[in-house]
C-alpha atoms as a PDB file:
ATOM      1  CA  MET A   1       9.076   2.699 -14.421  1.00  0.00           C
ATOM      2  CA  LYS A   2       5.380   3.170 -15.114  1.00  0.00           C
ATOM      3  CA  THR A   3       4.911  -0.308 -16.202  1.00  0.00           C
ATOM      4  CA  GLN A   4       6.095  -1.646 -13.164  1.00  0.00           C
ATOM      5  CA  LEU A   5       3.791   0.579 -11.588  1.00  0.00           C
ATOM      6  CA  HIS A   6       0.752  -0.404 -13.352  1.00  0.00           C
ATOM      7  CA  VAL A   7       1.816  -4.382 -12.730  1.00  0.00           C
ATOM      8  CA  ILE A   8       2.184  -3.563  -8.852  1.00  0.00           C
ATOM      9  CA  LEU A   9      -0.952  -1.478  -8.488  1.00  0.00           C
ATOM     10  CA  THR A  10      -3.045  -4.251 -10.817  1.00  0.00           C
ATOM     11  CA  LEU A  11      -1.781  -6.919  -8.438  1.00  0.00           C
ATOM     12  CA  LEU A  12      -2.712  -4.620  -5.117  1.00  0.00           C
ATOM     13  CA  ILE A  13      -6.227  -4.078  -6.472  1.00  0.00           C
ATOM     14  CA  PHE A  14      -6.973  -7.849  -7.146  1.00  0.00           C
ATOM     15  CA  SER A  15      -5.408  -9.146  -4.175  1.00  0.00           C
ATOM     16  CA  PHE A  16      -8.390  -7.309  -2.213  1.00  0.00           C
ATOM     17  CA  PHE A  17     -10.925  -9.496  -4.164  1.00  0.00           C
ATOM     18  CA  ILE A  18      -9.439 -13.124  -4.129  1.00  0.00           C
ATOM     19  CA  PRO A  19     -10.466 -14.970  -1.293  1.00  0.00           C
ATOM     20  CA  LYS A  20      -7.652 -15.599   1.467  1.00  0.00           C
ATOM     21  CA  SER A  21      -7.835 -18.952   1.746  1.00  0.00           C
ATOM     22  CA  ILE A  22      -7.226 -19.291  -2.240  1.00  0.00           C
ATOM     23  CA  LEU A  23      -4.204 -17.459  -1.797  1.00  0.00           C
ATOM     24  CA  ARG A  24      -2.930 -19.178   1.218  1.00  0.00           C
ATOM     25  CA  ALA A  25      -3.248 -22.679  -0.122  1.00  0.00           C
ATOM     26  CA  GLN A  26      -1.364 -22.126  -3.402  1.00  0.00           C
ATOM     27  CA  THR A  27       2.445 -22.378  -3.606  1.00  0.00           C
ATOM     28  CA  LEU A  28       3.690 -19.006  -4.591  1.00  0.00           C
ATOM     29  CA  PRO A  29       6.811 -18.333  -6.786  1.00  0.00           C
ATOM     30  CA  SER A  30       9.634 -17.028  -4.839  1.00  0.00           C
ATOM     31  CA  SER A  31       9.222 -13.755  -6.597  1.00  0.00           C
ATOM     32  CA  VAL A  32       6.006 -13.281  -4.815  1.00  0.00           C
ATOM     33  CA  VAL A  33       6.036 -12.792  -0.891  1.00  0.00           C
ATOM     34  CA  MET A  34       2.340 -12.116   1.098  1.00  0.00           C
ATOM     35  CA  LYS A  35       3.247  -9.389   4.013  1.00  0.00           C
ATOM     36  CA  ASP A  36       0.288  -9.041   6.696  1.00  0.00           C
ATOM     37  CA  ILE A  37       0.513  -5.103   7.672  1.00  0.00           C
ATOM     38  CA  ASP A  38      -0.557  -4.099  10.848  1.00  0.00           C
ATOM     39  CA  GLY A  39      -3.413  -1.772  10.960  1.00  0.00           C
ATOM     40  CA  GLY A  40      -3.030   1.224  13.841  1.00  0.00           C
ATOM     41  CA  THR A  41      -3.338   5.153  14.325  1.00  0.00           C
ATOM     42  CA  PHE A  42      -0.745   7.504  14.044  1.00  0.00           C
ATOM     43  CA  THR A  43      -0.400  11.123  13.589  1.00  0.00           C
ATOM     44  CA  MET A  44      -0.054  12.236   9.934  1.00  0.00           C
ATOM     45  CA  GLY A  45       0.857  16.311   9.077  1.00  0.00           C
ATOM     46  CA  SER A  46       2.762  18.872  10.591  1.00  0.00           C
ATOM     47  CA  ASN A  47       1.616  22.500  12.593  1.00  0.00           C
ATOM     48  CA  ASN A  48       4.723  23.908  11.741  1.00  0.00           C
ATOM     49  CA  LEU A  49       4.237  24.364   7.953  1.00  0.00           C
ATOM     50  CA  THR A  50       5.049  27.725   6.078  1.00  0.00           C
ATOM     51  CA  GLY A  51       3.116  28.785   3.178  1.00  0.00           C
ATOM     52  CA  ASN A  52      -0.720  29.584   2.251  1.00  0.00           C
ATOM     53  CA  PRO A  53      -3.223  29.305   4.520  1.00  0.00           C
ATOM     54  CA  ASP A  54      -5.182  26.403   2.409  1.00  0.00           C
ATOM     55  CA  GLN A  55      -1.956  24.231   2.587  1.00  0.00           C
ATOM     56  CA  LYS A  56      -1.786  24.829   6.431  1.00  0.00           C
ATOM     57  CA  GLU A  57      -5.169  23.709   7.026  1.00  0.00           C
ATOM     58  CA  ALA A  58      -5.002  20.820   4.538  1.00  0.00           C
ATOM     59  CA  ALA A  59      -1.897  19.391   5.776  1.00  0.00           C
ATOM     60  CA  SER A  60      -2.045  20.310   9.715  1.00  0.00           C
ATOM     61  CA  GLU A  61      -1.383  17.278  11.937  1.00  0.00           C
ATOM     62  CA  HIS A  62      -4.499  14.909  12.325  1.00  0.00           C
ATOM     63  CA  GLU A  63      -4.970  11.396  13.344  1.00  0.00           C
ATOM     64  CA  VAL A  64      -5.381   8.663  11.085  1.00  0.00           C
ATOM     65  CA  THR A  65      -6.592   5.136  11.576  1.00  0.00           C
ATOM     66  CA  LEU A  66      -5.424   2.369   8.901  1.00  0.00           C
ATOM     67  CA  THR A  67      -7.103  -1.256   8.936  1.00  0.00           C
ATOM     68  CA  ALA A  68      -5.125  -4.553   8.775  1.00  0.00           C
ATOM     69  CA  ILE A  69      -4.269  -5.920   5.217  1.00  0.00           C
ATOM     70  CA  ASN A  70      -2.871  -8.833   3.302  1.00  0.00           C
ATOM     71  CA  LEU A  71      -0.465  -7.379   0.517  1.00  0.00           C
ATOM     72  CA  ILE A  72       0.874  -9.509  -2.170  1.00  0.00           C
ATOM     73  CA  LEU A  73       4.697  -7.875  -3.270  1.00  0.00           C
ATOM     74  CA  CYS A  74       6.133  -9.387  -6.349  1.00  0.00           C
ATOM     75  CA  SER A  75       9.673  -8.682  -7.829  1.00  0.00           C
ATOM     76  CA  PHE A  76      10.469  -9.311 -11.466  1.00  0.00           C
ATOM     77  CA  GLN A  77      12.178  -7.534 -14.249  1.00  0.00           C
ATOM     78  CA  LEU A  78      11.087  -6.244 -17.325  1.00  0.00           C
ATOM     79  CA  VAL A  79      13.088  -6.950 -20.280  1.00  0.00           C
ATOM     80  CA  PHE A  80      12.578  -4.129 -23.331  1.00  0.00           C
END
């Protein structure tokens, strides 16, 4: 599981540095899929938390804005 996570994170990091024109010009294997993730604003957190005051303050409702990204998803089986 850790190996899969490392591979996915590595691909995700490198996908930000590869020009999009290069990625779209190639035929990708069927196990690799590019997804456009829309940006937007949403509310994150909760004002109804119980616990110590620090946790309540850190996790209270707040607005979060994300920019759109292209995400490369790939699936493959690792055999040990």
